[in-house]
Amino acid sequence: QEVCEKMNKKNLGKTLLLLALSTTLMGASLPAQAIEVQPDSTAAVEPFYVGITRLTCTLDISSSGSADCHAKIAMSAGYSSDYTLTLLYSKDGRTWSEVTSWDGSNSTDVTKSHFIYRKGDYQLRLTVKVLDSSGKYVATYGKNSNVVSY
């Protein structure tokens, strides 16, 4: 019986040590305080762009097949931009190919139209190259529109 008591005390000590270590390790990976965050459905999170204050890209397709392509590019003071607006097509929703594209510079509001004739998914891709006041390249950013099925 003494042997059993010694083994139980020895195992109890090991068990308590393992429990203490496990609690410590788990506690280190958990936040000290949890708070509930209520999402604000009206607020949109925008990524940070150097030289750009606003970048949007939207696509609308009418029932007759007219794709209305819209982009807004607002630059910070002292920056300019070159942009490419590309209309993309996908038959399967995974592989995208270029339908047409438009290039320009220093525009704030871009509106283009293109007639489409193939059934499938369409999306716009806006690519903006940012230049500083001396014309030196700063960065390139991209934004995709919603996907529209036609």
Protein backbone atom coordinates (compact mmCIF):
# COMPACT_ATOMS: atom_id res chain seq x y z
CA GLN A 1 0.00 0.00 0.00
CA GLU A 2 2.91 2.38 0.76
CA VAL A 3 4.27 1.72 -2.71
CA CYS A 4 0.92 2.57 -4.26
CA GLU A 5 0.65 5.80 -2.26
CA LYS A 6 4.17 6.86 -3.31
CA MET A 7 3.39 6.11 -6.97
CA ASN A 8 0.08 8.01 -6.76
CA LYS A 9 1.82 11.02 -5.15
CA LYS A 10 4.57 10.86 -7.78
CA ASN A 11 2.02 10.62 -10.63
CA LEU A 12 -0.10 13.34 -9.04
CA GLY A 13 2.91 15.64 -8.97
CA LYS A 14 3.69 14.94 -12.64
CA THR A 15 0.04 15.40 -13.59
CA LEU A 16 -0.16 18.74 -11.78
CA LEU A 17 3.10 19.87 -13.39
CA LEU A 18 1.83 18.95 -16.88
CA LEU A 19 -1.48 20.67 -16.16
CA ALA A 20 0.31 23.84 -15.00
CA LEU A 21 2.58 23.86 -18.07
CA SER A 22 -0.34 23.26 -20.44
CA THR A 23 -2.34 26.07 -18.87
CA THR A 24 0.62 28.42 -19.11
CA LEU A 25 1.26 27.59 -22.77
CA MET A 26 -2.39 27.87 -23.72
CA GLY A 27 -2.75 31.10 -21.80
CA ALA A 28 0.20 32.59 -23.65
CA SER A 29 -1.51 32.00 -26.99
CA LEU A 30 -4.91 33.36 -25.97
CA PRO A 31 -5.77 37.04 -25.72
CA ALA A 32 -5.86 38.48 -22.23
CA GLN A 33 -9.24 40.06 -22.84
CA ALA A 34 -11.91 39.28 -25.39
CA ILE A 35 -14.28 41.97 -26.59
CA GLU A 36 -17.31 41.71 -28.79
CA VAL A 37 -17.10 43.69 -32.02
CA GLN A 38 -20.28 44.71 -33.76
CA PRO A 39 -19.74 45.01 -37.51
CA ASP A 40 -20.80 48.29 -39.07
CA SER A 41 -22.47 47.34 -42.32
CA THR A 42 -22.19 50.91 -43.62
CA ALA A 43 -18.41 51.15 -43.21
CA ALA A 44 -16.16 49.78 -45.94
CA VAL A 45 -12.57 48.96 -45.15
CA GLU A 46 -10.27 50.42 -47.76
CA PRO A 47 -6.65 49.41 -48.20
CA PHE A 48 -3.94 52.04 -47.79
CA TYR A 49 -2.64 53.41 -51.08
CA VAL A 50 0.38 55.69 -51.42
CA GLY A 51 -0.62 58.71 -53.53
CA ILE A 52 -4.25 57.64 -53.94
CA THR A 53 -7.13 58.79 -51.77
CA ARG A 54 -9.87 56.83 -53.52
CA LEU A 55 -9.99 53.92 -55.94
CA THR A 56 -13.25 52.32 -57.12
CA CYS A 57 -14.20 50.04 -59.97
CA THR A 58 -17.75 48.93 -60.88
CA LEU A 59 -19.34 46.99 -63.72
CA ASP A 60 -22.97 46.97 -64.88
CA ILE A 61 -24.28 44.92 -67.81
CA SER A 62 -27.68 45.66 -69.32
CA SER A 63 -30.00 42.95 -70.62
CA SER A 64 -29.05 43.98 -74.16
CA GLY A 65 -25.34 43.28 -73.48
CA SER A 66 -24.00 46.78 -72.94
CA ALA A 67 -21.19 46.61 -70.37
CA ASP A 68 -20.88 49.92 -68.54
CA CYS A 69 -17.43 50.16 -66.99
CA HIS A 70 -16.80 52.79 -64.30
CA ALA A 71 -13.67 53.71 -62.36
CA LYS A 72 -12.86 56.55 -59.99
CA ILE A 73 -9.28 57.49 -59.21
CA ALA A 74 -8.62 60.29 -56.73
CA MET A 75 -4.97 61.22 -56.27
CA SER A 76 -3.24 62.86 -53.33
CA ALA A 77 -1.66 66.25 -53.93
CA GLY A 78 1.68 65.95 -55.73
CA TYR A 79 0.92 62.58 -57.37
CA SER A 80 -0.22 61.60 -60.84
CA SER A 81 -1.32 58.31 -62.36
CA ASP A 82 -1.43 56.12 -65.41
CA TYR A 83 -4.26 53.59 -65.47
CA THR A 84 -5.48 50.57 -67.39
CA LEU A 85 -9.11 49.48 -67.16
CA THR A 86 -9.55 45.91 -68.41
CA LEU A 87 -12.81 44.06 -69.07
CA LEU A 88 -12.35 40.35 -68.33
CA TYR A 89 -14.44 37.32 -69.35
CA SER A 90 -14.72 33.87 -67.80
CA LYS A 91 -16.70 30.90 -69.04
CA ASP A 92 -16.06 28.78 -65.93
CA GLY A 93 -15.51 31.40 -63.19
CA ARG A 94 -11.87 30.34 -62.71
CA THR A 95 -9.96 31.25 -65.87
CA TRP A 96 -10.20 34.87 -67.02
CA SER A 97 -9.32 36.35 -70.41
CA GLU A 98 -9.15 39.94 -71.62
CA VAL A 99 -12.07 41.23 -73.70
CA THR A 100 -10.84 44.80 -74.12
CA SER A 101 -8.92 47.45 -72.21
CA TRP A 102 -8.56 51.21 -72.03
CA ASP A 103 -5.47 53.20 -70.99
CA GLY A 104 -5.26 56.75 -69.71
CA SER A 105 -3.65 59.09 -67.25
CA ASN A 106 -4.64 61.58 -64.57
CA SER A 107 -8.36 60.87 -64.83
CA THR A 108 -10.66 61.10 -61.88
CA ASP A 109 -13.81 59.61 -63.39
CA VAL A 110 -13.54 56.99 -66.13
CA THR A 111 -16.62 55.67 -67.95
CA LYS A 112 -16.31 53.23 -70.85
CA SER A 113 -18.79 50.97 -72.63
CA HIS A 114 -18.40 47.75 -74.57
CA PHE A 115 -20.98 45.48 -76.17
CA ILE A 116 -20.67 41.86 -75.09
CA TYR A 117 -22.09 38.88 -76.93
CA ARG A 118 -20.92 35.78 -75.02
CA LYS A 119 -22.70 34.32 -72.02
CA GLY A 120 -20.53 34.01 -68.93
CA ASP A 121 -19.02 35.99 -66.08
CA TYR A 122 -17.50 39.45 -66.52
CA GLN A 123 -15.33 41.57 -64.27
CA LEU A 124 -13.35 44.80 -64.49
CA ARG A 125 -9.74 45.10 -63.39
CA LEU A 126 -8.39 48.59 -62.68
CA THR A 127 -4.61 48.89 -62.53
CA VAL A 128 -3.15 52.24 -61.44
CA LYS A 129 0.51 53.21 -61.63
CA VAL A 130 1.30 56.04 -59.20
CA LEU A 131 3.96 58.65 -60.03
CA ASP A 132 5.33 61.36 -57.74
CA SER A 133 5.57 65.06 -58.64
CA SER A 134 8.82 64.50 -60.56
CA GLY A 135 7.31 61.64 -62.59
CA LYS A 136 9.18 58.95 -60.66
CA TYR A 137 7.42 55.60 -60.26
CA VAL A 138 6.01 55.05 -56.73
CA ALA A 139 3.77 51.96 -56.81
CA THR A 140 1.17 50.02 -58.79
CA TYR A 141 -2.22 49.15 -57.31
CA GLY A 142 -5.11 47.08 -58.58
CA LYS A 143 -8.80 46.85 -57.85
CA ASN A 144 -11.37 44.37 -59.15
CA SER A 145 -15.05 45.11 -59.67
CA ASN A 146 -17.93 42.90 -58.79
CA VAL A 147 -18.45 39.82 -61.00
CA VAL A 148 -21.48 40.10 -63.27
CA SER A 149 -23.04 37.08 -64.98
CA TYR A 150 -24.56 37.64 -68.41
